[in-house]
Amino acid sequence: MLAALLASGAAGAQSGRIEELDARLAAARADGALPLDEAAIQHDRGRALARARRYDEAAAAFEAALALREAELPAAHDDVALSATGLGVARTGQGRNDEAEALFQRALASREANHGGSSRETGTAITNLAAFYTEVGRYEDAEPLFERAIEIHERSGADAANLSVALTNLAALYDKQDRPKDAERAAERILRVQERAQPRNPLRLAEAHAAVAKRARVRGDVGKADDHYREALELLGGVRTPPTPVVIESLGGLGWVAAERGKTDEAESFYRRALGIAEEKLDRDAPELVPLLEGYAAVLRERGLEGEARALEERAARVRGDEEGA
């Protein structure tokens, strides 16, 4: 939950969901809904608002959900821990990190009390706390917690989803620490987990291939990146509504592969497709646009289109918030 909310770049995509939940909340109050029903709506509102990076409003929604649940449920109830985690996400987004840490620790203590120290629920709470530490730059605190969560989920034997989440977060930590080999090994572990998972999940498997390809690309391994990006796209072809980030990562990655091999026409085609999807599905300031714009610019410059390349680079700078692009 935490990593997904903090990493979301599609703020505008949540607006319809927020309006729907606002209407549901108003109707529930008008109908005299039970406190726990109102709490569930407020919690969902908090999630949508956090994904839209509207953290002050998200905090208010999670606070309301938490207060209602605390009044109706035991202190260690799972729903209380869930809203405490949500409020921790919002506090992180607000930069109120001491409060956020206390909320994540509270949720972890509740999960341990309710389910034991080796449970799937506890492993997820540990992952959330570690993801918070990663977000605020406390990498030395995050890594052992991720390893503990991974050990818990590996012992469970069949918990592919939660194990993959913990490994994905660990790979992201290694990315931030500039440890490309460790990040690639973590991504390969995710791929092995998804290949063994039953039933087979094409989307999760595609995401795992794209994650391996992304790390191979960082190392400059063109062949390995090509193989895994193509595998990801083939799998995504069987997914009814594939998520935008993995689609544009795979298309943009194949643009990079083609450019590295000197196939500028093919590279331009991949980048144009990726950028078209990103512009349709994501916000104009979504960070996922930056590598596409920069990669496409490099291809255009290779073809001698200096003015068009510079325009894309300036747009990438504006998305990043660079002073020269502001």
C-alpha atoms as a PDB file:
ATOM      1  CA  MET A   1       0.000   0.000   0.000  1.00  0.00           C
ATOM      2  CA  LEU A   2       2.587   2.575   1.051  1.00  0.00           C
ATOM      3  CA  ALA A   3       4.915   2.243  -1.914  1.00  0.00           C
ATOM      4  CA  ALA A   4       2.061   2.247  -4.426  1.00  0.00           C
ATOM      5  CA  LEU A   5       0.580   5.405  -2.982  1.00  0.00           C
ATOM      6  CA  LEU A   6       3.838   7.290  -2.719  1.00  0.00           C
ATOM      7  CA  ALA A   7       4.996   6.303  -6.187  1.00  0.00           C
ATOM      8  CA  SER A   8       1.794   7.243  -7.985  1.00  0.00           C
ATOM      9  CA  GLY A   9       2.307   9.791 -10.747  1.00  0.00           C
ATOM     10  CA  ALA A  10      -1.229   9.889 -12.152  1.00  0.00           C
ATOM     11  CA  ALA A  11      -2.836  12.457  -9.884  1.00  0.00           C
ATOM     12  CA  GLY A  12      -5.536  13.457 -12.342  1.00  0.00           C
ATOM     13  CA  ALA A  13      -6.649   9.865 -12.855  1.00  0.00           C
ATOM     14  CA  GLN A  14      -8.030   9.826  -9.287  1.00  0.00           C
ATOM     15  CA  SER A  15     -10.376  12.810  -9.661  1.00  0.00           C
ATOM     16  CA  GLY A  16     -13.372  10.769 -10.788  1.00  0.00           C
ATOM     17  CA  ARG A  17     -12.859   8.269  -8.015  1.00  0.00           C
ATOM     18  CA  ILE A  18     -12.670  11.054  -5.409  1.00  0.00           C
ATOM     19  CA  GLU A  19     -15.903  12.629  -6.667  1.00  0.00           C
ATOM     20  CA  GLU A  20     -17.632   9.264  -6.528  1.00  0.00           C
ATOM     21  CA  LEU A  21     -16.488   8.681  -2.947  1.00  0.00           C
ATOM     22  CA  ASP A  22     -17.498  12.207  -1.898  1.00  0.00           C
ATOM     23  CA  ALA A  23     -21.002  11.496  -3.200  1.00  0.00           C
ATOM     24  CA  ARG A  24     -21.097   8.154  -1.378  1.00  0.00           C
ATOM     25  CA  LEU A  25     -20.019   9.817   1.850  1.00  0.00           C
ATOM     26  CA  ALA A  26     -22.701  12.506   1.582  1.00  0.00           C
ATOM     27  CA  ALA A  27     -25.372   9.861   0.860  1.00  0.00           C
ATOM     28  CA  ALA A  28     -24.212   7.689   3.763  1.00  0.00           C
ATOM     29  CA  ARG A  29     -24.420  10.584   6.175  1.00  0.00           C
ATOM     30  CA  ALA A  30     -27.860  11.583   4.890  1.00  0.00           C
ATOM     31  CA  ASP A  31     -29.064   7.997   5.374  1.00  0.00           C
ATOM     32  CA  GLY A  32     -27.613   7.768   8.903  1.00  0.00           C
ATOM     33  CA  ALA A  33     -25.005   5.162   8.014  1.00  0.00           C
ATOM     34  CA  LEU A  34     -23.368   3.109  10.726  1.00  0.00           C
ATOM     35  CA  PRO A  35     -20.016   4.524  11.915  1.00  0.00           C
ATOM     36  CA  LEU A  36     -18.007   1.630  10.481  1.00  0.00           C
ATOM     37  CA  ASP A  37     -19.655   2.045   7.068  1.00  0.00           C
ATOM     38  CA  GLU A  38     -18.726   5.723   7.073  1.00  0.00           C
ATOM     39  CA  ALA A  39     -15.205   4.795   8.196  1.00  0.00           C
ATOM     40  CA  ALA A  40     -14.797   2.461   5.208  1.00  0.00           C
ATOM     41  CA  ILE A  41     -15.771   5.251   2.784  1.00  0.00           C
ATOM     42  CA  GLN A  42     -13.448   7.732   4.491  1.00  0.00           C
ATOM     43  CA  HIS A  43     -10.602   5.243   4.295  1.00  0.00           C
ATOM     44  CA  ASP A  44     -11.170   4.741   0.558  1.00  0.00           C
ATOM     45  CA  ARG A  45     -11.311   8.540   0.128  1.00  0.00           C
ATOM     46  CA  GLY A  46      -7.965   8.812   1.899  1.00  0.00           C
ATOM     47  CA  ARG A  47      -6.421   6.272  -0.475  1.00  0.00           C
ATOM     48  CA  ALA A  48      -7.698   8.070  -3.566  1.00  0.00           C
ATOM     49  CA  LEU A  49      -6.616  11.492  -2.270  1.00  0.00           C
ATOM     50  CA  ALA A  50      -3.156  10.177  -1.382  1.00  0.00           C
ATOM     51  CA  ARG A  51      -2.770   8.696  -4.863  1.00  0.00           C
ATOM     52  CA  ALA A  52      -3.655  12.141  -6.209  1.00  0.00           C
ATOM     53  CA  ARG A  53      -0.945  13.588  -3.920  1.00  0.00           C
ATOM     54  CA  ARG A  54      -3.554  15.692  -2.091  1.00  0.00           C
ATOM     55  CA  TYR A  55      -1.985  14.778   1.207  1.00  0.00           C
ATOM     56  CA  ASP A  56      -3.672  17.336   3.493  1.00  0.00           C
ATOM     57  CA  GLU A  57      -7.102  16.148   2.403  1.00  0.00           C
ATOM     58  CA  ALA A  58      -5.984  12.530   2.570  1.00  0.00           C
ATOM     59  CA  ALA A  59      -4.810  13.044   6.147  1.00  0.00           C
ATOM     60  CA  ALA A  60      -8.203  14.470   7.125  1.00  0.00           C
ATOM     61  CA  ALA A  61     -10.006  11.490   5.565  1.00  0.00           C
ATOM     62  CA  PHE A  62      -7.741   8.931   7.227  1.00  0.00           C
ATOM     63  CA  GLU A  63      -8.034  10.754  10.570  1.00  0.00           C
ATOM     64  CA  ALA A  64     -11.820  10.536  10.312  1.00  0.00           C
ATOM     65  CA  ALA A  65     -11.674   6.838   9.424  1.00  0.00           C
ATOM     66  CA  LEU A  66      -9.243   6.112  12.237  1.00  0.00           C
ATOM     67  CA  ALA A  67     -11.330   7.985  14.843  1.00  0.00           C
ATOM     68  CA  LEU A  68     -14.512   6.135  13.831  1.00  0.00           C
ATOM     69  CA  ARG A  69     -12.783   2.764  13.927  1.00  0.00           C
ATOM     70  CA  GLU A  70     -11.074   3.457  17.250  1.00  0.00           C
ATOM     71  CA  ALA A  71     -14.466   4.310  18.763  1.00  0.00           C
ATOM     72  CA  GLU A  72     -16.070   1.087  17.535  1.00  0.00           C
ATOM     73  CA  LEU A  73     -13.304  -1.530  17.463  1.00  0.00           C
ATOM     74  CA  PRO A  74     -10.579  -2.940  19.732  1.00  0.00           C
ATOM     75  CA  ALA A  75      -7.317  -1.006  19.595  1.00  0.00           C
ATOM     76  CA  ALA A  76      -5.455  -3.855  17.859  1.00  0.00           C
ATOM     77  CA  HIS A  77      -8.153  -4.547  15.252  1.00  0.00           C
ATOM     78  CA  ASP A  78      -6.888  -4.958  11.702  1.00  0.00           C
ATOM     79  CA  ASP A  79      -9.064  -2.122  10.370  1.00  0.00           C
ATOM     80  CA  VAL A  80      -7.622   0.249  12.965  1.00  0.00           C
ATOM     81  CA  ALA A  81      -4.111  -0.739  11.864  1.00  0.00           C
ATOM     82  CA  LEU A  82      -5.122  -0.233   8.228  1.00  0.00           C
ATOM     83  CA  SER A  83      -6.276   3.341   8.824  1.00  0.00           C
ATOM     84  CA  ALA A  84      -3.188   4.056  10.931  1.00  0.00           C
ATOM     85  CA  THR A  85      -1.087   2.929   7.962  1.00  0.00           C
ATOM     86  CA  GLY A  86      -3.088   5.146   5.620  1.00  0.00           C
ATOM     87  CA  LEU A  87      -2.606   8.123   7.892  1.00  0.00           C
ATOM     88  CA  GLY A  88       1.101   7.307   7.977  1.00  0.00           C
ATOM     89  CA  VAL A  89       1.163   7.554   4.168  1.00  0.00           C
ATOM     90  CA  ALA A  90      -0.527  10.955   4.292  1.00  0.00           C
ATOM     91  CA  ARG A  91       1.791  12.228   7.030  1.00  0.00           C
ATOM     92  CA  THR A  92       4.771  11.109   4.930  1.00  0.00           C
ATOM     93  CA  GLY A  93       3.415  13.094   2.014  1.00  0.00           C
ATOM     94  CA  GLN A  94       3.001  16.101   4.302  1.00  0.00           C
ATOM     95  CA  GLY A  95       6.594  15.805   5.489  1.00  0.00           C
ATOM     96  CA  ARG A  96       5.494  15.061   9.074  1.00  0.00           C
ATOM     97  CA  ASN A  97       7.854  12.132   9.332  1.00  0.00           C
ATOM     98  CA  ASP A  98       7.974  11.664  13.110  1.00  0.00           C
ATOM     99  CA  GLU A  99       4.211  11.227  13.194  1.00  0.00           C
ATOM    100  CA  ALA A 100       4.319   8.957  10.154  1.00  0.00           C
ATOM    101  CA  GLU A 101       6.945   6.694  11.733  1.00  0.00           C
ATOM    102  CA  ALA A 102       4.902   6.357  14.914  1.00  0.00           C
ATOM    103  CA  LEU A 103       1.820   5.387  12.878  1.00  0.00           C
ATOM    104  CA  PHE A 104       3.660   2.714  10.891  1.00  0.00           C
ATOM    105  CA  GLN A 105       5.172   1.341  14.091  1.00  0.00           C
ATOM    106  CA  ARG A 106       1.736   1.309  15.706  1.00  0.00           C
ATOM    107  CA  ALA A 107       0.307  -0.652  12.776  1.00  0.00           C
ATOM    108  CA  LEU A 108       3.170  -3.144  12.986  1.00  0.00           C
ATOM    109  CA  ALA A 109       2.662  -3.650  16.713  1.00  0.00           C
ATOM    110  CA  SER A 110      -1.058  -4.291  16.105  1.00  0.00           C
ATOM    111  CA  ARG A 111      -0.356  -6.853  13.414  1.00  0.00           C
ATOM    112  CA  GLU A 112       2.160  -8.655  15.603  1.00  0.00           C
ATOM    113  CA  ALA A 113      -0.281  -8.697  18.521  1.00  0.00           C
ATOM    114  CA  ASN A 114      -3.126  -9.989  16.363  1.00  0.00           C
ATOM    115  CA  HIS A 115      -1.350 -12.422  14.068  1.00  0.00           C
ATOM    116  CA  GLY A 116       2.082 -13.193  15.502  1.00  0.00           C
ATOM    117  CA  GLY A 117       5.552 -12.179  14.444  1.00  0.00           C
ATOM    118  CA  SER A 118       5.786 -14.583  11.492  1.00  0.00           C
ATOM    119  CA  SER A 119       2.440 -13.899   9.833  1.00  0.00           C
ATOM    120  CA  ARG A 120       1.747 -12.571   6.361  1.00  0.00           C
ATOM    121  CA  GLU A 121       0.023  -9.548   7.937  1.00  0.00           C
ATOM    122  CA  THR A 122       3.081  -8.759  10.020  1.00  0.00           C
ATOM    123  CA  GLY A 123       5.327  -9.155   6.985  1.00  0.00           C
ATOM    124  CA  THR A 124       3.234  -6.604   5.100  1.00  0.00           C
ATOM    125  CA  ALA A 125       3.384  -4.138   8.002  1.00  0.00           C
ATOM    126  CA  ILE A 126       7.171  -4.551   8.140  1.00  0.00           C
ATOM    127  CA  THR A 127       7.366  -3.839   4.404  1.00  0.00           C
ATOM    128  CA  ASN A 128       5.333  -0.658   4.900  1.00  0.00           C
ATOM    129  CA  LEU A 129       7.631   0.577   7.663  1.00  0.00           C
ATOM    130  CA  ALA A 130      10.699  -0.237   5.562  1.00  0.00           C
ATOM    131  CA  ALA A 131       9.183   1.562   2.554  1.00  0.00           C
ATOM    132  CA  PHE A 132       8.676   4.620   4.751  1.00  0.00           C
ATOM    133  CA  TYR A 133      12.321   4.510   5.816  1.00  0.00           C
ATOM    134  CA  THR A 134      13.332   4.250   2.161  1.00  0.00           C
ATOM    135  CA  GLU A 135      11.152   7.231   1.260  1.00  0.00           C
ATOM    136  CA  VAL A 136      12.782   9.440   3.905  1.00  0.00           C
ATOM    137  CA  GLY A 137      16.328   8.287   3.120  1.00  0.00           C
ATOM    138  CA  ARG A 138      16.903   6.058   6.147  1.00  0.00           C
ATOM    139  CA  TYR A 139      18.286   3.243   4.046  1.00  0.00           C
ATOM    140  CA  GLU A 140      20.241   1.564   6.834  1.00  0.00           C
ATOM    141  CA  ASP A 141      16.970   1.109   8.763  1.00  0.00           C
ATOM    142  CA  ALA A 142      15.027  -0.047   5.723  1.00  0.00           C
ATOM    143  CA  GLU A 143      17.200  -2.873   4.387  1.00  0.00           C
ATOM    144  CA  PRO A 144      17.101  -5.244   7.389  1.00  0.00           C
ATOM    145  CA  LEU A 145      13.351  -4.764   7.658  1.00  0.00           C
ATOM    146  CA  PHE A 146      12.867  -5.690   4.011  1.00  0.00           C
ATOM    147  CA  GLU A 147      15.008  -8.784   4.544  1.00  0.00           C
ATOM    148  CA  ARG A 148      12.893  -9.727   7.569  1.00  0.00           C
ATOM    149  CA  ALA A 149       9.654  -9.286   5.593  1.00  0.00           C
ATOM    150  CA  ILE A 150      11.051 -11.352   2.716  1.00  0.00           C
ATOM    151  CA  GLU A 151      12.021 -14.144   5.105  1.00  0.00           C
ATOM    152  CA  ILE A 152       8.510 -14.160   6.584  1.00  0.00           C
ATOM    153  CA  HIS A 153       6.849 -14.366   3.182  1.00  0.00           C
ATOM    154  CA  GLU A 154       9.276 -17.024   1.921  1.00  0.00           C
ATOM    155  CA  ARG A 155       8.485 -19.197   4.930  1.00  0.00           C
ATOM    156  CA  SER A 156       4.760 -18.920   4.171  1.00  0.00           C
ATOM    157  CA  GLY A 157       5.450 -20.915   0.996  1.00  0.00           C
ATOM    158  CA  ALA A 158       2.584 -19.625  -1.148  1.00  0.00           C
ATOM    159  CA  ASP A 159       2.569 -15.866  -0.611  1.00  0.00           C
ATOM    160  CA  ALA A 160       3.814 -14.755  -4.028  1.00  0.00           C
ATOM    161  CA  ALA A 161       2.042 -11.384  -4.009  1.00  0.00           C
ATOM    162  CA  ASN A 162       3.407 -10.088  -0.714  1.00  0.00           C
ATOM    163  CA  LEU A 163       6.846 -11.579  -1.335  1.00  0.00           C
ATOM    164  CA  SER A 164       7.004  -9.802  -4.681  1.00  0.00           C
ATOM    165  CA  VAL A 165       5.995  -6.494  -3.084  1.00  0.00           C
ATOM    166  CA  ALA A 166       8.764  -6.785  -0.485  1.00  0.00           C
ATOM    167  CA  LEU A 167      11.342  -7.696  -3.136  1.00  0.00           C
ATOM    168  CA  THR A 168      10.167  -4.868  -5.407  1.00  0.00           C
ATOM    169  CA  ASN A 169      10.654  -2.396  -2.581  1.00  0.00           C
ATOM    170  CA  LEU A 170      14.076  -3.852  -1.807  1.00  0.00           C
ATOM    171  CA  ALA A 171      15.097  -3.462  -5.460  1.00  0.00           C
ATOM    172  CA  ALA A 172      13.932   0.169  -5.346  1.00  0.00           C
ATOM    173  CA  LEU A 173      16.060   0.702  -2.226  1.00  0.00           C
ATOM    174  CA  TYR A 174      19.103  -0.658  -4.054  1.00  0.00           C
ATOM    175  CA  ASP A 175      18.314   1.658  -6.988  1.00  0.00           C
ATOM    176  CA  LYS A 176      18.385   4.642  -4.637  1.00  0.00           C
ATOM    177  CA  GLN A 177      21.692   3.448  -3.170  1.00  0.00           C
ATOM    178  CA  ASP A 178      23.215   3.034  -6.659  1.00  0.00           C
ATOM    179  CA  ARG A 179      23.666  -0.716  -6.177  1.00  0.00           C
ATOM    180  CA  PRO A 180      22.716  -1.943  -9.667  1.00  0.00           C
ATOM    181  CA  LYS A 181      23.861  -5.539  -9.291  1.00  0.00           C
ATOM    182  CA  ASP A 182      21.916  -5.972  -6.044  1.00  0.00           C
ATOM    183  CA  ALA A 183      18.860  -4.336  -7.625  1.00  0.00           C
ATOM    184  CA  GLU A 184      19.053  -6.680 -10.600  1.00  0.00           C
ATOM    185  CA  ARG A 185      19.395  -9.746  -8.351  1.00  0.00           C
ATOM    186  CA  ALA A 186      16.323  -8.640  -6.388  1.00  0.00           C
ATOM    187  CA  ALA A 187      14.387  -8.181  -9.639  1.00  0.00           C
ATOM    188  CA  GLU A 188      15.432 -11.650 -10.795  1.00  0.00           C
ATOM    189  CA  ARG A 189      14.154 -13.080  -7.522  1.00  0.00           C
ATOM    190  CA  ILE A 190      10.779 -11.445  -8.220  1.00  0.00           C
ATOM    191  CA  LEU A 191      10.744 -13.066 -11.667  1.00  0.00           C
ATOM    192  CA  ARG A 192      11.456 -16.506 -10.191  1.00  0.00           C
ATOM    193  CA  VAL A 193       8.666 -16.028  -7.639  1.00  0.00           C
ATOM    194  CA  GLN A 194       6.173 -15.091 -10.348  1.00  0.00           C
ATOM    195  CA  GLU A 195       7.263 -17.918 -12.647  1.00  0.00           C
ATOM    196  CA  ARG A 196       6.525 -20.411  -9.836  1.00  0.00           C
ATOM    197  CA  ALA A 197       3.260 -18.782  -8.743  1.00  0.00           C
ATOM    198  CA  GLN A 198       0.047 -20.738  -9.165  1.00  0.00           C
ATOM    199  CA  PRO A 199      -2.209 -19.703 -10.734  1.00  0.00           C
ATOM    200  CA  ARG A 200       0.000 -17.888 -13.227  1.00  0.00           C
ATOM    201  CA  ASN A 201      -0.597 -14.124 -13.321  1.00  0.00           C
ATOM    202  CA  PRO A 202       0.400 -12.659 -16.729  1.00  0.00           C
ATOM    203  CA  LEU A 203       0.386  -9.076 -15.467  1.00  0.00           C
ATOM    204  CA  ARG A 204       2.630  -9.755 -12.478  1.00  0.00           C
ATOM    205  CA  LEU A 205       4.921 -11.842 -14.668  1.00  0.00           C
ATOM    206  CA  ALA A 206       5.116  -9.002 -17.213  1.00  0.00           C
ATOM    207  CA  GLU A 207       5.956  -6.536 -14.455  1.00  0.00           C
ATOM    208  CA  ALA A 208       8.713  -8.861 -13.251  1.00  0.00           C
ATOM    209  CA  HIS A 209      10.232  -9.149 -16.743  1.00  0.00           C
ATOM    210  CA  ALA A 210      10.126  -5.360 -17.117  1.00  0.00           C
ATOM    211  CA  ALA A 211      11.819  -4.943 -13.731  1.00  0.00           C
ATOM    212  CA  VAL A 212      14.679  -7.245 -14.769  1.00  0.00           C
ATOM    213  CA  ALA A 213      14.986  -5.457 -18.112  1.00  0.00           C
ATOM    214  CA  LYS A 214      15.113  -2.062 -16.418  1.00  0.00           C
ATOM    215  CA  ARG A 215      18.077  -3.128 -14.255  1.00  0.00           C
ATOM    216  CA  ALA A 216      19.843  -4.750 -17.228  1.00  0.00           C
ATOM    217  CA  ARG A 217      19.418  -1.451 -19.055  1.00  0.00           C
ATOM    218  CA  VAL A 218      21.115   0.413 -16.195  1.00  0.00           C
ATOM    219  CA  ARG A 219      24.130  -1.875 -16.643  1.00  0.00           C
ATOM    220  CA  GLY A 220      24.073  -1.405 -20.416  1.00  0.00           C
ATOM    221  CA  ASP A 221      23.209  -5.056 -21.134  1.00  0.00           C
ATOM    222  CA  VAL A 222      21.308  -4.490 -24.383  1.00  0.00           C
ATOM    223  CA  GLY A 223      20.609  -8.147 -25.181  1.00  0.00           C
ATOM    224  CA  LYS A 224      19.194  -9.007 -21.778  1.00  0.00           C
ATOM    225  CA  ALA A 225      17.081  -5.847 -21.676  1.00  0.00           C
ATOM    226  CA  ASP A 226      15.719  -6.593 -25.151  1.00  0.00           C
ATOM    227  CA  ASP A 227      14.722 -10.156 -24.243  1.00  0.00           C
ATOM    228  CA  HIS A 228      12.889  -9.208 -21.066  1.00  0.00           C
ATOM    229  CA  TYR A 229      11.168  -6.094 -22.447  1.00  0.00           C
ATOM    230  CA  ARG A 230       9.824  -8.134 -25.377  1.00  0.00           C
ATOM    231  CA  GLU A 231       8.657 -10.867 -23.032  1.00  0.00           C
ATOM    232  CA  ALA A 232       6.870  -8.244 -20.930  1.00  0.00           C
ATOM    233  CA  LEU A 233       5.073  -6.782 -23.953  1.00  0.00           C
ATOM    234  CA  GLU A 234       4.027 -10.217 -25.168  1.00  0.00           C
ATOM    235  CA  LEU A 235       2.514 -11.010 -21.778  1.00  0.00           C
ATOM    236  CA  LEU A 236       0.797  -7.614 -21.590  1.00  0.00           C
ATOM    237  CA  GLY A 237      -0.911  -8.427 -24.888  1.00  0.00           C
ATOM    238  CA  GLY A 238      -3.028 -10.920 -22.962  1.00  0.00           C
ATOM    239  CA  VAL A 239      -4.009  -8.445 -20.222  1.00  0.00           C
ATOM    240  CA  ARG A 240      -7.300  -6.644 -20.792  1.00  0.00           C
ATOM    241  CA  THR A 241      -6.269  -3.301 -19.247  1.00  0.00           C
ATOM    242  CA  PRO A 242      -2.506  -3.306 -18.694  1.00  0.00           C
ATOM    243  CA  PRO A 243      -1.231  -0.620 -16.308  1.00  0.00           C
ATOM    244  CA  THR A 244       0.339   2.351 -18.044  1.00  0.00           C
ATOM    245  CA  PRO A 245       3.698   2.388 -16.182  1.00  0.00           C
ATOM    246  CA  VAL A 246       4.764  -1.121 -17.244  1.00  0.00           C
ATOM    247  CA  VAL A 247       3.605  -0.515 -20.832  1.00  0.00           C
ATOM    248  CA  ILE A 248       5.580   2.697 -21.252  1.00  0.00           C
ATOM    249  CA  GLU A 249       8.597   1.234 -19.437  1.00  0.00           C
ATOM    250  CA  SER A 250       8.646  -1.671 -21.886  1.00  0.00           C
ATOM    251  CA  LEU A 251       8.075   0.431 -25.012  1.00  0.00           C
ATOM    252  CA  GLY A 252      10.549   3.079 -23.898  1.00  0.00           C
ATOM    253  CA  GLY A 253      13.033   0.362 -22.996  1.00  0.00           C
ATOM    254  CA  LEU A 254      12.775  -1.128 -26.471  1.00  0.00           C
ATOM    255  CA  GLY A 255      13.315   2.376 -27.854  1.00  0.00           C
ATOM    256  CA  TRP A 256      16.569   2.501 -25.894  1.00  0.00           C
ATOM    257  CA  VAL A 257      17.549  -0.971 -27.147  1.00  0.00           C
ATOM    258  CA  ALA A 258      16.953   0.049 -30.766  1.00  0.00           C
ATOM    259  CA  ALA A 259      18.892   3.289 -30.297  1.00  0.00           C
ATOM    260  CA  GLU A 260      21.828   1.412 -28.795  1.00  0.00           C
ATOM    261  CA  ARG A 261      21.861  -0.823 -31.872  1.00  0.00           C
ATOM    262  CA  GLY A 262      21.804   2.170 -34.205  1.00  0.00           C
ATOM    263  CA  LYS A 263      18.238   1.511 -35.416  1.00  0.00           C
ATOM    264  CA  THR A 264      17.019   5.090 -35.154  1.00  0.00           C
ATOM    265  CA  ASP A 265      13.775   4.634 -37.105  1.00  0.00           C
ATOM    266  CA  GLU A 266      12.748   1.721 -34.883  1.00  0.00           C
ATOM    267  CA  ALA A 267      13.830   3.622 -31.776  1.00  0.00           C
ATOM    268  CA  GLU A 268      11.770   6.660 -32.759  1.00  0.00           C
ATOM    269  CA  SER A 269       8.727   4.460 -33.360  1.00  0.00           C
ATOM    270  CA  PHE A 270       8.949   2.882 -29.894  1.00  0.00           C
ATOM    271  CA  TYR A 271       9.504   6.218 -28.161  1.00  0.00           C
ATOM    272  CA  ARG A 272       6.631   7.845 -30.057  1.00  0.00           C
ATOM    273  CA  ARG A 273       4.280   5.004 -29.061  1.00  0.00           C
ATOM    274  CA  ALA A 274       5.368   5.147 -25.432  1.00  0.00           C
ATOM    275  CA  LEU A 275       5.071   8.919 -25.250  1.00  0.00           C
ATOM    276  CA  GLY A 276       1.641   8.870 -26.870  1.00  0.00           C
ATOM    277  CA  ILE A 277       0.324   6.411 -24.272  1.00  0.00           C
ATOM    278  CA  ALA A 278       1.943   8.325 -21.416  1.00  0.00           C
ATOM    279  CA  GLU A 279       0.472  11.635 -22.535  1.00  0.00           C
ATOM    280  CA  GLU A 280      -2.987  10.091 -22.850  1.00  0.00           C
ATOM    281  CA  LYS A 281      -2.984   8.190 -19.558  1.00  0.00           C
ATOM    282  CA  LEU A 282      -0.761  10.182 -17.171  1.00  0.00           C
ATOM    283  CA  ASP A 283      -0.560  13.758 -15.931  1.00  0.00           C
ATOM    284  CA  ARG A 284       1.561  16.170 -17.943  1.00  0.00           C
ATOM    285  CA  ASP A 285       4.001  16.392 -15.028  1.00  0.00           C
ATOM    286  CA  ALA A 286       4.201  12.634 -14.354  1.00  0.00           C
ATOM    287  CA  PRO A 287       7.813  11.630 -13.661  1.00  0.00           C
ATOM    288  CA  GLU A 288       7.479   8.626 -15.986  1.00  0.00           C
ATOM    289  CA  LEU A 289       7.613  11.087 -18.894  1.00  0.00           C
ATOM    290  CA  VAL A 290      11.193  12.180 -18.209  1.00  0.00           C
ATOM    291  CA  PRO A 291      13.122   9.124 -19.523  1.00  0.00           C
ATOM    292  CA  LEU A 292      10.834   8.942 -22.560  1.00  0.00           C
ATOM    293  CA  LEU A 293      11.367  12.605 -23.428  1.00  0.00           C
ATOM    294  CA  GLU A 294      15.118  12.384 -22.918  1.00  0.00           C
ATOM    295  CA  GLY A 295      15.462   9.130 -24.852  1.00  0.00           C
ATOM    296  CA  TYR A 296      13.352  10.414 -27.713  1.00  0.00           C
ATOM    297  CA  ALA A 297      15.385  13.638 -27.739  1.00  0.00           C
ATOM    298  CA  ALA A 298      18.618  11.679 -28.056  1.00  0.00           C
ATOM    299  CA  VAL A 299      17.240   9.788 -31.052  1.00  0.00           C
ATOM    300  CA  LEU A 300      16.093  13.000 -32.746  1.00  0.00           C
ATOM    301  CA  ARG A 301      19.477  14.605 -32.171  1.00  0.00           C
ATOM    302  CA  GLU A 302      21.137  11.552 -33.730  1.00  0.00           C
ATOM    303  CA  ARG A 303      19.022  12.203 -36.796  1.00  0.00           C
ATOM    304  CA  GLY A 304      20.121  15.846 -36.879  1.00  0.00           C
ATOM    305  CA  LEU A 305      16.807  17.278 -35.627  1.00  0.00           C
ATOM    306  CA  GLU A 306      18.428  19.565 -33.076  1.00  0.00           C
ATOM    307  CA  GLY A 307      15.497  21.936 -32.558  1.00  0.00           C
ATOM    308  CA  GLU A 308      12.984  19.159 -31.900  1.00  0.00           C
ATOM    309  CA  ALA A 309      15.441  17.393 -29.591  1.00  0.00           C
ATOM    310  CA  ARG A 310      16.035  20.569 -27.577  1.00  0.00           C
ATOM    311  CA  ALA A 311      12.289  21.138 -27.193  1.00  0.00           C
ATOM    312  CA  LEU A 312      11.833  17.654 -25.714  1.00  0.00           C
ATOM    313  CA  GLU A 313      14.777  18.154 -23.345  1.00  0.00           C
ATOM    314  CA  GLU A 314      13.353  21.462 -22.148  1.00  0.00           C
ATOM    315  CA  ARG A 315      10.014  19.780 -21.531  1.00  0.00           C
ATOM    316  CA  ALA A 316      11.743  17.009 -19.554  1.00  0.00           C
ATOM    317  CA  ALA A 317      13.472  19.674 -17.477  1.00  0.00           C
ATOM    318  CA  ARG A 318      10.125  21.326 -16.714  1.00  0.00           C
ATOM    319  CA  VAL A 319       8.657  18.002 -15.598  1.00  0.00           C
ATOM    320  CA  ARG A 320      11.635  17.431 -13.299  1.00  0.00           C
ATOM    321  CA  GLY A 321      11.297  20.952 -11.979  1.00  0.00           C
ATOM    322  CA  ASP A 322      14.838  21.912 -13.005  1.00  0.00           C
ATOM    323  CA  GLU A 323      15.542  25.616 -12.706  1.00  0.00           C
ATOM    324  CA  GLU A 324      16.607  25.861 -16.326  1.00  0.00           C
ATOM    325  CA  GLY A 325      13.328  24.336 -17.396  1.00  0.00           C
ATOM    326  CA  ALA A 326      11.112  26.322 -15.043  1.00  0.00           C
END
